Amino acid sequence: MPKKGFISNKLRPWIDARKKYHLSHAQIQMTRELGMNPKSFRKLSGDKQEPWKLSLPAYIEKLYKKRFGEKLPDDVRSIEVRDIEKRKRQAEKKKKKQELLEQSESNSSEKTQGLIEK
């Protein structure tokens, strides 16, 4: 299992974008559900020279409300928490699979010994 503070490279751009553009966990979750790419945030964020553009957080919230009809996602969790939960589920699944494999091996060895004795 990876180190305690490990975050996968797949999620690293989202964390960097959250810090760079001052987005909340809910806004990052909204962008992921909308299928947006964190690399494109630079083009979407408003600037002093582009006063007609909405700020990035406001733009994300507007798109989310338009598509899903809700202001916020039902279950808001940070990327780090989601990653930790995902790794726990994977570890449990791997452990369960290993136990089933060991159990099936022991059953098959018992059957072969029973056949040999007869």
C-alpha atoms as a PDB file:
ATOM      1  CA  MET A   1       0.000   0.000   0.000  1.00  0.00           C
ATOM      2  CA  PRO A   2       1.323   3.514  -0.801  1.00  0.00           C
ATOM      3  CA  LYS A   3       2.573   5.930   1.812  1.00  0.00           C
ATOM      4  CA  LYS A   4       0.060   7.711   4.026  1.00  0.00           C
ATOM      5  CA  GLY A   5       0.228  11.128   2.321  1.00  0.00           C
ATOM      6  CA  PHE A   6       0.404   9.681  -1.195  1.00  0.00           C
ATOM      7  CA  ILE A   7      -1.859  11.183  -3.864  1.00  0.00           C
ATOM      8  CA  SER A   8      -1.921   9.578  -7.291  1.00  0.00           C
ATOM      9  CA  ASN A   9      -0.605  11.505 -10.284  1.00  0.00           C
ATOM     10  CA  LYS A  10      -4.048  11.288 -11.837  1.00  0.00           C
ATOM     11  CA  LEU A  11      -5.494  13.494  -9.074  1.00  0.00           C
ATOM     12  CA  ARG A  12      -2.520  15.836  -8.636  1.00  0.00           C
ATOM     13  CA  PRO A  13      -3.665  18.352 -11.359  1.00  0.00           C
ATOM     14  CA  TRP A  14      -7.009  18.733  -9.597  1.00  0.00           C
ATOM     15  CA  ILE A  15      -5.351  19.562  -6.295  1.00  0.00           C
ATOM     16  CA  ASP A  16      -2.993  22.035  -7.972  1.00  0.00           C
ATOM     17  CA  ALA A  17      -5.920  23.698  -9.778  1.00  0.00           C
ATOM     18  CA  ARG A  18      -7.857  23.957  -6.512  1.00  0.00           C
ATOM     19  CA  LYS A  19      -4.975  25.816  -4.910  1.00  0.00           C
ATOM     20  CA  LYS A  20      -4.107  27.974  -7.916  1.00  0.00           C
ATOM     21  CA  TYR A  21      -7.636  29.180  -8.681  1.00  0.00           C
ATOM     22  CA  HIS A  22      -8.867  29.259  -5.048  1.00  0.00           C
ATOM     23  CA  LEU A  23     -11.660  26.748  -5.601  1.00  0.00           C
ATOM     24  CA  SER A  24     -13.534  24.868  -2.900  1.00  0.00           C
ATOM     25  CA  HIS A  25     -13.830  21.095  -2.637  1.00  0.00           C
ATOM     26  CA  ALA A  26     -17.428  21.337  -3.843  1.00  0.00           C
ATOM     27  CA  GLN A  27     -16.406  23.333  -6.920  1.00  0.00           C
ATOM     28  CA  ILE A  28     -13.694  20.819  -7.808  1.00  0.00           C
ATOM     29  CA  GLN A  29     -16.199  17.984  -7.437  1.00  0.00           C
ATOM     30  CA  MET A  30     -18.636  19.886  -9.674  1.00  0.00           C
ATOM     31  CA  THR A  31     -16.004  20.325 -12.390  1.00  0.00           C
ATOM     32  CA  ARG A  32     -15.142  16.631 -12.277  1.00  0.00           C
ATOM     33  CA  GLU A  33     -18.830  15.696 -12.584  1.00  0.00           C
ATOM     34  CA  LEU A  34     -19.175  18.134 -15.497  1.00  0.00           C
ATOM     35  CA  GLY A  35     -16.237  16.431 -17.219  1.00  0.00           C
ATOM     36  CA  MET A  36     -14.033  19.511 -17.296  1.00  0.00           C
ATOM     37  CA  ASN A  37     -10.258  19.408 -17.548  1.00  0.00           C
ATOM     38  CA  PRO A  38      -8.158  21.271 -14.944  1.00  0.00           C
ATOM     39  CA  LYS A  39      -5.697  22.282 -17.657  1.00  0.00           C
ATOM     40  CA  SER A  40      -8.387  24.378 -19.355  1.00  0.00           C
ATOM     41  CA  PHE A  41      -9.127  26.499 -16.266  1.00  0.00           C
ATOM     42  CA  ARG A  42      -6.673  29.165 -17.388  1.00  0.00           C
ATOM     43  CA  LYS A  43      -8.793  29.920 -20.457  1.00  0.00           C
ATOM     44  CA  LEU A  44     -12.025  29.914 -18.479  1.00  0.00           C
ATOM     45  CA  SER A  45     -10.978  32.121 -15.596  1.00  0.00           C
ATOM     46  CA  GLY A  46     -11.901  35.783 -15.860  1.00  0.00           C
ATOM     47  CA  ASP A  47      -9.239  38.461 -15.777  1.00  0.00           C
ATOM     48  CA  LYS A  48      -9.157  42.225 -15.214  1.00  0.00           C
ATOM     49  CA  GLN A  49      -8.813  42.677 -18.969  1.00  0.00           C
ATOM     50  CA  GLU A  50     -11.883  40.484 -19.562  1.00  0.00           C
ATOM     51  CA  PRO A  51     -14.556  41.960 -17.285  1.00  0.00           C
ATOM     52  CA  TRP A  52     -17.398  40.284 -19.204  1.00  0.00           C
ATOM     53  CA  LYS A  53     -16.260  36.836 -18.064  1.00  0.00           C
ATOM     54  CA  LEU A  54     -17.572  35.383 -14.843  1.00  0.00           C
ATOM     55  CA  SER A  55     -15.077  34.350 -12.213  1.00  0.00           C
ATOM     56  CA  LEU A  56     -14.158  30.681 -12.450  1.00  0.00           C
ATOM     57  CA  PRO A  57     -16.035  29.614  -9.278  1.00  0.00           C
ATOM     58  CA  ALA A  58     -19.182  31.445 -10.409  1.00  0.00           C
ATOM     59  CA  TYR A  59     -18.896  29.956 -13.905  1.00  0.00           C
ATOM     60  CA  ILE A  60     -18.557  26.425 -12.542  1.00  0.00           C
ATOM     61  CA  GLU A  61     -21.576  26.869 -10.272  1.00  0.00           C
ATOM     62  CA  LYS A  62     -23.635  28.301 -13.149  1.00  0.00           C
ATOM     63  CA  LEU A  63     -22.789  25.350 -15.437  1.00  0.00           C
ATOM     64  CA  TYR A  64     -23.514  22.817 -12.689  1.00  0.00           C
ATOM     65  CA  LYS A  65     -26.902  24.346 -11.905  1.00  0.00           C
ATOM     66  CA  LYS A  66     -27.760  24.464 -15.629  1.00  0.00           C
ATOM     67  CA  ARG A  67     -26.898  20.808 -16.217  1.00  0.00           C
ATOM     68  CA  PHE A  68     -27.971  19.125 -12.962  1.00  0.00           C
ATOM     69  CA  GLY A  69     -30.546  21.600 -11.620  1.00  0.00           C
ATOM     70  CA  GLU A  70     -28.854  21.678  -8.211  1.00  0.00           C
ATOM     71  CA  LYS A  71     -26.701  24.284  -6.558  1.00  0.00           C
ATOM     72  CA  LEU A  72     -24.276  21.788  -4.967  1.00  0.00           C
ATOM     73  CA  PRO A  73     -23.562  18.042  -5.225  1.00  0.00           C
ATOM     74  CA  ASP A  74     -25.363  15.863  -2.691  1.00  0.00           C
ATOM     75  CA  ASP A  75     -22.219  14.433  -1.101  1.00  0.00           C
ATOM     76  CA  VAL A  76     -19.273  16.839  -1.034  1.00  0.00           C
ATOM     77  CA  ARG A  77     -15.915  15.279  -0.149  1.00  0.00           C
ATOM     78  CA  SER A  78     -12.393  16.396  -0.921  1.00  0.00           C
ATOM     79  CA  ILE A  79     -10.268  14.645  -3.523  1.00  0.00           C
ATOM     80  CA  GLU A  80      -7.892  13.423  -0.835  1.00  0.00           C
ATOM     81  CA  VAL A  81     -10.710  11.789   1.161  1.00  0.00           C
ATOM     82  CA  ARG A  82     -12.139  10.175  -1.974  1.00  0.00           C
ATOM     83  CA  ASP A  83      -8.686   8.811  -2.864  1.00  0.00           C
ATOM     84  CA  ILE A  84      -8.211   7.352   0.615  1.00  0.00           C
ATOM     85  CA  GLU A  85     -11.639   5.685   0.501  1.00  0.00           C
ATOM     86  CA  LYS A  86     -10.925   4.287  -2.954  1.00  0.00           C
ATOM     87  CA  ARG A  87      -7.606   2.792  -1.813  1.00  0.00           C
ATOM     88  CA  LYS A  88      -9.341   1.212   1.233  1.00  0.00           C
ATOM     89  CA  ARG A  89     -12.004  -0.364  -0.984  1.00  0.00           C
ATOM     90  CA  GLN A  90      -9.331  -1.703  -3.331  1.00  0.00           C
ATOM     91  CA  ALA A  91      -7.358  -3.176  -0.425  1.00  0.00           C
ATOM     92  CA  GLU A  92     -10.489  -4.850   0.985  1.00  0.00           C
ATOM     93  CA  LYS A  93     -11.366  -6.243  -2.442  1.00  0.00           C
ATOM     94  CA  LYS A  94      -7.834  -7.579  -2.877  1.00  0.00           C
ATOM     95  CA  LYS A  95      -7.897  -9.174   0.582  1.00  0.00           C
ATOM     96  CA  LYS A  96     -11.275 -10.794  -0.067  1.00  0.00           C
ATOM     97  CA  LYS A  97     -10.091 -12.122  -3.423  1.00  0.00           C
ATOM     98  CA  GLN A  98      -6.967 -13.573  -1.798  1.00  0.00           C
ATOM     99  CA  GLU A  99      -9.062 -15.293   0.895  1.00  0.00           C
ATOM    100  CA  LEU A 100     -11.357 -16.818  -1.738  1.00  0.00           C
ATOM    101  CA  LEU A 101      -8.349 -18.023  -3.706  1.00  0.00           C
ATOM    102  CA  GLU A 102      -6.808 -19.650  -0.615  1.00  0.00           C
ATOM    103  CA  GLN A 103     -10.152 -21.223   0.293  1.00  0.00           C
ATOM    104  CA  SER A 104     -10.630 -22.671  -3.186  1.00  0.00           C
ATOM    105  CA  GLU A 105      -7.071 -24.034  -3.178  1.00  0.00           C
ATOM    106  CA  SER A 106      -7.628 -25.772   0.159  1.00  0.00           C
ATOM    107  CA  ASN A 107     -10.931 -27.275  -1.072  1.00  0.00           C
ATOM    108  CA  SER A 108      -9.347 -28.564  -4.255  1.00  0.00           C
ATOM    109  CA  SER A 109      -6.415 -30.098  -2.341  1.00  0.00           C
ATOM    110  CA  GLU A 110      -8.859 -31.896   0.012  1.00  0.00           C
ATOM    111  CA  LYS A 111     -10.741 -33.331  -2.977  1.00  0.00           C
ATOM    112  CA  THR A 112      -7.557 -34.602  -4.614  1.00  0.00           C
ATOM    113  CA  GLN A 113      -6.444 -36.259  -1.367  1.00  0.00           C
ATOM    114  CA  GLY A 114      -9.861 -37.942  -1.077  1.00  0.00           C
ATOM    115  CA  LEU A 115      -9.549 -39.307  -4.606  1.00  0.00           C
ATOM    116  CA  ILE A 116      -6.022 -40.589  -3.964  1.00  0.00           C
ATOM    117  CA  GLU A 117      -7.088 -42.487  -0.815  1.00  0.00           C
ATOM    118  CA  LYS A 118      -9.908 -44.301  -2.617  1.00  0.00           C
END
